[in-house]
Amino acid sequence: MRDPSADAPDVVWVYRRSRRQWLDEWRRGERSGEFFYSLPTLSRQHRVGFVEDESRRPFFRAWWPVEWLLAQRFGMGFALDVALRNLSVLKRARVVISTVDSCGLPLALLKRLGLLRGRLIYISQGLSDRVAAYGAGRWLSRSYRGLLLGVDELVVLSAGAREGLAAWLRVPAERICVLPFGTDCEFWRNTAPAGERGKVVSVGSDSGRDYPTLLAAAAGRLPLHIITRQPLASAGHSNLVHSTDHSPLELRDIYSSAAFVVIPLLDRSQPSGQSATLQAMACAKSVIITRTRGWWGEPFLRDGEACALVPPGDVSALRDTMRRFWSEPELCRRMGQTARETVVAHFSENQMAAALDRLIVGGAPLSC
């Protein structure tokens, strides 16, 4: 892969933080590649580069108090300092790809001011849900809407997210492209010895997780391992293991030794749970996931084939599915094999890269 820190990149990705460290780990085989949003893969076709927030003490920066205030009010920052400190690189790029709203909004502001000459591909991840919670008619929401309407390519990661964003922006759904998220199928693979069967595993720390429903469905009877930074009401759950941080290599082994994996979600437009679900499926694990408004698996993830789908907040449906999976390990094994085959065929990082490349070159659109 070409060094992404080389001078004069043609296509520049904008991340919030940590990617330089992650890139070193990826090169050593210690981390998967999906959260680079196809930069390593597309380095074969383009002169690529990236920028991110590399400051270890952001609270010492002049913009920090403003961003802190915005984050308190809106639930998300506005990383203007990241854009301004890297403006010379961004101005020379033919295409700029924003991977998160907190960076994309400042880039949209630079675009409106004429400081960003290249095309801006803006990947939105949950902005419409935050607007709905904050209030679409308030000044900040209206300001953000004006910025997004000036973006060259608006991109989301599921059809449900497209509907939510289009409704808020009051634009046709076709104005917004759906980028299929893909996982690193070479890194995520089963590493457990044959016949090993561990706990029921659940992974994820974002605000879209619904762990109260999972704990109620388990009712303290099934052995659970929940990996999250969220606090858990663990009283009465003697079979619960709660951990917070694991390396990607450790997480791969946890997935691989799981009896099965459960991804419980709140009903939102944001396509939560994609990465954990695809990682587990790539490790040949059967997965139970909540089918939300932001569901991203159509048409390839059908209930009872590559995964099991349950309604949001339905304790009984989740309990029944978990008990069935626990009592039928052969069903889990077969579904896990199908899951791995489905991810490799339809949800690989290479397919995500091919779709994003079509946007970069300005060729055939995605699901727009």
Protein backbone atom coordinates (compact mmCIF):
# COMPACT_ATOMS: atom_id res chain seq x y z
CA MET A 1 0.00 0.00 0.00
CA ARG A 2 1.23 3.47 -0.86
CA ASP A 3 2.15 5.56 2.19
CA PRO A 4 -1.00 7.61 2.94
CA SER A 5 1.09 10.35 4.49
CA ALA A 6 2.87 11.07 1.19
CA ASP A 7 2.68 14.54 -0.31
CA ALA A 8 -0.11 15.77 -2.57
CA PRO A 9 -2.70 12.99 -2.23
CA ASP A 10 -5.46 13.07 -4.80
CA VAL A 11 -8.13 11.55 -2.51
CA VAL A 12 -8.11 12.44 1.18
CA TRP A 13 -10.06 10.68 3.93
CA VAL A 14 -10.93 12.67 7.05
CA TYR A 15 -11.13 10.67 10.29
CA ARG A 16 -11.76 11.85 13.80
CA ARG A 17 -8.83 10.10 15.49
CA SER A 18 -6.67 6.98 15.98
CA ARG A 19 -6.27 5.87 12.35
CA ARG A 20 -2.51 6.39 12.18
CA GLN A 21 -2.05 4.00 15.10
CA TRP A 22 -4.65 1.61 13.69
CA LEU A 23 -2.91 1.61 10.31
CA ASP A 24 0.32 0.41 11.92
CA GLU A 25 -1.61 -2.34 13.72
CA TRP A 26 -3.36 -3.33 10.48
CA ARG A 27 -0.03 -3.67 8.70
CA ARG A 28 1.13 -6.02 11.46
CA GLY A 29 -2.03 -8.12 11.14
CA GLU A 30 -3.31 -7.03 14.57
CA ARG A 31 -6.41 -5.13 13.39
CA SER A 32 -9.08 -5.39 10.72
CA GLY A 33 -9.35 -2.88 7.90
CA GLU A 34 -13.03 -1.94 7.63
CA PHE A 35 -12.83 1.25 9.69
CA PHE A 36 -10.47 2.88 7.23
CA TYR A 37 -13.48 3.06 4.90
CA SER A 38 -11.57 1.45 2.04
CA LEU A 39 -8.49 3.68 2.08
CA PRO A 40 -5.98 0.75 2.00
CA THR A 41 -7.83 -1.00 -0.82
CA LEU A 42 -8.30 2.14 -2.93
CA SER A 43 -4.64 3.11 -2.51
CA ARG A 44 -4.05 0.71 -5.42
CA GLN A 45 -6.07 2.97 -7.76
CA HIS A 46 -5.56 6.46 -6.34
CA ARG A 47 -2.99 8.66 -4.64
CA VAL A 48 -4.52 8.54 -1.19
CA GLY A 49 -3.97 10.33 2.08
CA PHE A 50 -5.76 11.01 5.32
CA VAL A 51 -5.99 13.59 8.08
CA GLU A 52 -7.26 13.20 11.63
CA ASP A 53 -7.21 14.82 15.05
CA GLU A 54 -3.78 13.91 16.37
CA SER A 55 -3.78 16.25 19.36
CA ARG A 56 -3.43 14.51 22.73
CA ARG A 57 -4.76 17.52 24.64
CA PRO A 58 -7.69 18.92 22.66
CA PHE A 59 -8.91 20.98 25.62
CA PHE A 60 -5.92 23.29 25.19
CA ARG A 61 -7.02 24.33 21.69
CA ALA A 62 -8.81 27.63 21.11
CA TRP A 63 -11.82 25.94 19.44
CA TRP A 64 -12.26 23.33 22.17
CA PRO A 65 -14.73 25.31 24.39
CA VAL A 66 -17.02 25.90 21.41
CA GLU A 67 -16.93 22.26 20.36
CA TRP A 68 -17.53 21.13 23.94
CA LEU A 69 -20.59 23.38 24.15
CA LEU A 70 -21.95 22.07 20.84
CA ALA A 71 -21.39 18.50 21.97
CA GLN A 72 -23.27 19.16 25.21
CA ARG A 73 -26.23 20.68 23.38
CA PHE A 74 -26.37 18.48 20.29
CA GLY A 75 -24.66 15.27 21.39
CA MET A 76 -21.94 15.64 18.75
CA GLY A 77 -18.93 17.90 18.24
CA PHE A 78 -17.99 20.16 15.35
CA ALA A 79 -14.31 19.50 14.60
CA LEU A 80 -13.53 22.77 12.85
CA ASP A 81 -9.95 22.83 14.12
CA VAL A 82 -9.22 19.48 12.40
CA ALA A 83 -10.34 20.94 9.07
CA LEU A 84 -8.48 24.22 9.49
CA ARG A 85 -5.20 22.66 10.63
CA ASN A 86 -5.21 20.43 7.54
CA LEU A 87 -6.64 22.98 5.13
CA SER A 88 -3.63 23.04 2.80
CA VAL A 89 -3.90 19.27 2.19
CA LEU A 90 -7.68 19.40 1.83
CA LYS A 91 -7.58 22.28 -0.65
CA ARG A 92 -5.28 20.38 -3.02
CA ALA A 93 -7.34 17.18 -3.03
CA ARG A 94 -9.59 16.33 -5.94
CA VAL A 95 -11.90 14.38 -3.60
CA VAL A 96 -12.35 14.66 0.17
CA ILE A 97 -14.15 11.83 2.02
CA SER A 98 -15.59 12.61 5.43
CA THR A 99 -16.26 9.48 7.50
CA VAL A 100 -18.13 11.01 10.45
CA ASP A 101 -20.56 13.92 10.87
CA SER A 102 -18.46 15.80 13.42
CA CYS A 103 -15.79 16.20 10.73
CA GLY A 104 -18.14 16.38 7.76
CA LEU A 105 -20.06 19.43 8.97
CA PRO A 106 -16.95 21.65 9.21
CA LEU A 107 -15.90 20.43 5.76
CA ALA A 108 -19.33 21.36 4.44
CA LEU A 109 -18.79 24.82 5.94
CA LEU A 110 -15.45 25.14 4.12
CA LYS A 111 -17.19 24.04 0.94
CA ARG A 112 -19.81 26.76 1.33
CA LEU A 113 -17.09 29.37 1.94
CA GLY A 114 -15.24 28.33 -1.22
CA LEU A 115 -12.20 27.05 0.68
CA LEU A 116 -12.70 23.45 -0.40
CA ARG A 117 -12.45 23.17 -4.18
CA GLY A 118 -12.55 19.38 -4.60
CA ARG A 119 -15.64 17.19 -4.43
CA LEU A 120 -16.86 16.40 -0.91
CA ILE A 121 -18.18 12.91 -0.22
CA TYR A 122 -19.99 13.16 3.11
CA ILE A 123 -20.77 9.90 4.96
CA SER A 124 -23.48 10.64 7.53
CA GLN A 125 -23.78 8.33 10.52
CA GLY A 126 -26.78 9.20 12.65
CA LEU A 127 -27.10 12.95 12.15
CA SER A 128 -30.84 12.81 11.42
CA ASP A 129 -31.46 10.90 14.68
CA ARG A 130 -29.56 13.57 16.62
CA VAL A 131 -31.55 16.30 14.90
CA ALA A 132 -34.82 14.56 15.80
CA ALA A 133 -33.76 14.36 19.44
CA TYR A 134 -32.49 17.95 19.54
CA GLY A 135 -35.28 19.54 17.50
CA ALA A 136 -35.37 19.99 13.72
CA GLY A 137 -36.74 23.54 13.97
CA ARG A 138 -33.99 24.91 16.20
CA TRP A 139 -31.33 27.22 14.84
CA LEU A 140 -28.44 24.75 15.04
CA SER A 141 -30.37 22.04 13.18
CA ARG A 142 -31.42 24.50 10.49
CA SER A 143 -27.81 25.65 10.11
CA TYR A 144 -26.59 22.08 9.72
CA ARG A 145 -29.29 21.41 7.13
CA GLY A 146 -28.08 24.36 5.06
CA LEU A 147 -24.52 23.04 5.14
CA LEU A 148 -25.49 19.54 4.03
CA LEU A 149 -27.49 20.82 1.08
CA GLY A 150 -24.26 22.17 -0.39
CA VAL A 151 -22.40 18.84 -0.23
CA ASP A 152 -21.50 17.13 -3.53
CA GLU A 153 -22.31 13.56 -2.47
CA LEU A 154 -24.40 12.67 0.58
CA VAL A 155 -23.84 9.07 1.65
CA VAL A 156 -25.37 6.82 4.32
CA LEU A 157 -24.83 3.19 5.24
CA SER A 158 -28.40 1.84 4.93
CA ALA A 159 -31.66 2.48 3.13
CA GLY A 160 -33.34 3.25 6.45
CA ALA A 161 -30.78 5.91 7.23
CA ARG A 162 -31.36 7.40 3.78
CA GLU A 163 -35.08 7.77 4.48
CA GLY A 164 -34.44 9.53 7.79
CA LEU A 165 -31.86 11.91 6.34
CA ALA A 166 -33.95 12.68 3.24
CA ALA A 167 -37.01 13.46 5.36
CA TRP A 168 -35.06 15.91 7.53
CA LEU A 169 -33.32 17.60 4.58
CA ARG A 170 -36.59 17.61 2.59
CA VAL A 171 -34.90 16.21 -0.50
CA PRO A 172 -35.76 13.19 -2.69
CA ALA A 173 -34.27 9.95 -1.37
CA GLU A 174 -32.41 9.63 -4.69
CA ARG A 175 -30.30 12.64 -3.68
CA ILE A 176 -28.63 10.42 -1.04
CA CYS A 177 -26.48 7.40 -1.88
CA VAL A 178 -26.34 4.15 0.11
CA LEU A 179 -22.83 2.79 0.60
CA PRO A 180 -22.86 -0.91 1.56
CA PHE A 181 -20.70 -1.35 4.65
CA GLY A 182 -18.23 -4.21 4.36
CA THR A 183 -16.03 -6.05 6.84
CA ASP A 184 -12.51 -7.45 6.60
CA CYS A 185 -13.21 -11.12 5.90
CA GLU A 186 -9.53 -12.04 5.96
CA PHE A 187 -9.05 -10.77 9.51
CA TRP A 188 -12.42 -11.83 10.89
CA ARG A 189 -12.41 -15.62 10.75
CA ASN A 190 -13.08 -18.44 13.16
CA THR A 191 -10.14 -19.23 15.42
CA ALA A 192 -11.82 -21.53 17.97
CA PRO A 193 -11.01 -25.26 18.21
CA ALA A 194 -13.69 -27.51 16.76
CA GLY A 195 -16.43 -28.31 19.23
CA GLU A 196 -15.69 -25.45 21.63
CA ARG A 197 -18.82 -23.67 22.87
CA GLY A 198 -18.74 -20.67 25.14
CA LYS A 199 -21.10 -17.97 26.34
CA VAL A 200 -23.70 -15.90 24.55
CA VAL A 201 -21.79 -12.81 23.43
CA SER A 202 -22.94 -9.24 22.77
CA VAL A 203 -20.68 -6.41 21.63
CA GLY A 204 -21.05 -2.64 21.21
CA SER A 205 -20.88 0.66 23.09
CA ASP A 206 -22.84 3.08 20.92
CA SER A 207 -26.03 4.65 22.19
CA GLY A 208 -28.14 2.51 19.86
CA ARG A 209 -27.60 -0.66 21.91
CA ASP A 210 -30.54 -2.01 23.94
CA TYR A 211 -28.94 -4.01 26.72
CA PRO A 212 -31.93 -3.78 29.10
CA THR A 213 -33.97 -5.86 26.63
CA LEU A 214 -31.14 -8.38 26.31
CA LEU A 215 -30.75 -8.72 30.09
CA ALA A 216 -34.49 -9.12 30.53
CA ALA A 217 -34.59 -11.81 27.82
CA ALA A 218 -31.68 -13.73 29.33
CA ALA A 219 -33.30 -13.51 32.79
CA GLY A 220 -30.06 -14.63 34.43
CA ARG A 221 -30.39 -18.12 32.95
CA LEU A 222 -28.04 -18.03 29.98
CA PRO A 223 -24.31 -17.35 30.40
CA LEU A 224 -23.73 -13.86 28.94
CA HIS A 225 -20.60 -11.97 28.04
CA ILE A 226 -21.40 -8.34 27.20
CA ILE A 227 -18.56 -6.16 25.90
CA THR A 228 -19.53 -2.52 26.26
CA ARG A 229 -18.52 0.73 27.91
CA GLN A 230 -22.15 1.33 28.79
CA PRO A 231 -23.18 0.75 32.42
CA LEU A 232 -25.25 -2.40 32.90
CA ALA A 233 -27.93 -3.16 35.48
CA SER A 234 -26.36 -6.49 36.38
CA ALA A 235 -28.29 -7.22 39.60
CA GLY A 236 -29.77 -10.71 39.46
CA HIS A 237 -27.55 -11.80 36.57
CA SER A 238 -25.05 -14.13 38.19
CA ASN A 239 -24.08 -15.60 34.79
CA LEU A 240 -23.09 -12.19 33.37
CA VAL A 241 -19.53 -11.24 32.46
CA HIS A 242 -19.12 -7.53 31.66
CA SER A 243 -15.91 -6.31 30.05
CA THR A 244 -15.09 -3.07 28.27
CA ASP A 245 -12.01 -3.16 26.07
CA HIS A 246 -10.40 -5.91 24.05
CA SER A 247 -7.86 -5.85 21.25
CA PRO A 248 -9.18 -6.88 17.83
CA LEU A 249 -7.30 -10.17 18.14
CA GLU A 250 -8.92 -10.86 21.52
CA LEU A 251 -12.34 -9.90 20.17
CA ARG A 252 -11.90 -12.28 17.23
CA ASP A 253 -11.26 -15.14 19.66
CA ILE A 254 -14.28 -14.15 21.79
CA TYR A 255 -16.55 -14.17 18.74
CA SER A 256 -15.13 -17.48 17.59
CA SER A 257 -15.70 -19.28 20.89
CA ALA A 258 -19.21 -17.85 21.44
CA ALA A 259 -22.26 -20.10 21.45
CA PHE A 260 -23.89 -17.36 19.37
CA VAL A 261 -23.94 -13.56 19.24
CA VAL A 262 -26.78 -11.15 20.07
CA ILE A 263 -26.88 -7.52 18.88
CA PRO A 264 -29.85 -5.82 20.64
CA LEU A 265 -30.76 -2.40 19.22
CA LEU A 266 -33.05 0.53 19.80
CA ASP A 267 -35.36 1.43 16.92
CA ARG A 268 -33.49 4.23 15.13
CA SER A 269 -32.72 5.31 11.57
CA GLN A 270 -28.99 5.05 12.22
CA PRO A 271 -27.79 1.59 11.05
CA SER A 272 -26.35 0.54 14.40
CA GLY A 273 -24.73 -2.84 14.92
CA GLN A 274 -23.37 -3.31 11.41
CA SER A 275 -19.74 -3.82 12.27
CA ALA A 276 -20.25 -6.19 15.20
CA THR A 277 -22.81 -8.25 13.29
CA LEU A 278 -20.64 -8.65 10.21
CA GLN A 279 -17.53 -9.35 12.26
CA ALA A 280 -19.30 -12.14 14.15
CA MET A 281 -20.82 -13.57 10.98
CA ALA A 282 -17.43 -13.54 9.27
CA CYS A 283 -16.22 -15.63 12.23
CA ALA A 284 -18.93 -18.16 11.27
CA LYS A 285 -21.18 -17.30 14.21
CA SER A 286 -24.96 -17.33 14.21
CA VAL A 287 -26.27 -13.86 15.12
CA ILE A 288 -29.55 -12.57 16.55
CA ILE A 289 -30.05 -8.89 15.69
CA THR A 290 -32.85 -6.38 16.13
CA ARG A 291 -34.47 -5.30 12.87
CA THR A 292 -34.74 -1.53 13.23
CA ARG A 293 -35.77 1.34 10.96
CA GLY A 294 -32.11 1.60 10.00
CA TRP A 295 -31.89 -2.04 8.91
CA TRP A 296 -29.06 -2.47 6.46
CA GLY A 297 -29.13 -6.18 5.57
CA GLU A 298 -31.59 -6.28 2.66
CA PRO A 299 -31.84 -8.30 0.52
CA PHE A 300 -29.14 -10.72 1.67
CA LEU A 301 -29.74 -11.16 5.41
CA ARG A 302 -33.05 -12.93 5.78
CA ASP A 303 -34.55 -14.12 9.03
CA GLY A 304 -33.76 -17.77 9.67
CA GLU A 305 -31.09 -18.09 6.98
CA ALA A 306 -27.88 -16.16 7.65
CA CYS A 307 -29.18 -14.62 10.90
CA ALA A 308 -32.25 -14.28 13.11
CA LEU A 309 -34.18 -11.01 13.25
CA VAL A 310 -36.28 -9.86 16.21
CA PRO A 311 -38.51 -6.78 16.66
CA PRO A 312 -37.22 -3.80 18.68
CA GLY A 313 -37.80 -4.04 22.42
CA ASP A 314 -39.59 -7.40 22.20
CA VAL A 315 -38.31 -9.32 25.24
CA SER A 316 -40.41 -12.42 24.51
CA ALA A 317 -39.26 -12.74 20.90
CA LEU A 318 -35.63 -12.32 21.88
CA ARG A 319 -35.96 -14.77 24.79
CA ASP A 320 -37.56 -17.43 22.59
CA THR A 321 -34.90 -17.07 19.88
CA MET A 322 -32.05 -17.18 22.37
CA ARG A 323 -33.44 -20.30 24.05
CA ARG A 324 -33.86 -22.00 20.68
CA PHE A 325 -30.29 -21.20 19.67
CA TRP A 326 -28.95 -22.38 23.02
CA SER A 327 -30.81 -25.68 22.81
CA GLU A 328 -29.90 -26.35 19.15
CA PRO A 329 -26.13 -26.03 18.70
CA GLU A 330 -26.28 -27.76 15.32
CA LEU A 331 -28.67 -25.06 14.06
CA CYS A 332 -26.19 -22.43 15.24
CA ARG A 333 -23.35 -24.21 13.48
CA ARG A 334 -25.22 -24.40 10.17
CA MET A 335 -26.42 -20.81 10.38
CA GLY A 336 -22.87 -19.71 11.22
CA GLN A 337 -21.55 -21.38 8.08
CA THR A 338 -24.23 -19.65 6.01
CA ALA A 339 -23.40 -16.36 7.74
CA ARG A 340 -19.73 -16.59 6.78
CA GLU A 341 -20.59 -17.43 3.16
CA THR A 342 -23.08 -14.54 2.98
CA VAL A 343 -20.63 -11.97 4.35
CA VAL A 344 -17.87 -13.05 1.98
CA ALA A 345 -20.28 -12.93 -0.98
CA HIS A 346 -22.10 -9.67 -0.20
CA PHE A 347 -20.55 -7.71 2.69
CA SER A 348 -16.80 -7.75 2.16
CA GLU A 349 -14.59 -4.69 2.45
CA ASN A 350 -13.63 -5.15 -1.22
CA GLN A 351 -17.26 -4.64 -2.26
CA MET A 352 -17.49 -1.52 -0.12
CA ALA A 353 -14.30 -0.23 -1.77
CA ALA A 354 -15.66 -0.87 -5.27
CA ALA A 355 -18.85 1.05 -4.46
CA LEU A 356 -16.95 3.98 -2.96
CA ASP A 357 -14.60 4.04 -5.95
CA ARG A 358 -17.58 4.62 -8.25
CA LEU A 359 -18.35 7.77 -6.29
CA ILE A 360 -14.73 8.89 -6.33
CA VAL A 361 -14.39 8.62 -10.09
CA GLY A 362 -17.84 10.10 -10.63
CA GLY A 363 -19.10 7.09 -12.53
CA ALA A 364 -22.15 4.91 -11.94
CA PRO A 365 -24.06 5.90 -8.81
CA LEU A 366 -24.69 3.68 -5.82
CA SER A 367 -28.18 2.82 -4.58
CA CYS A 368 -29.42 6.35 -5.14
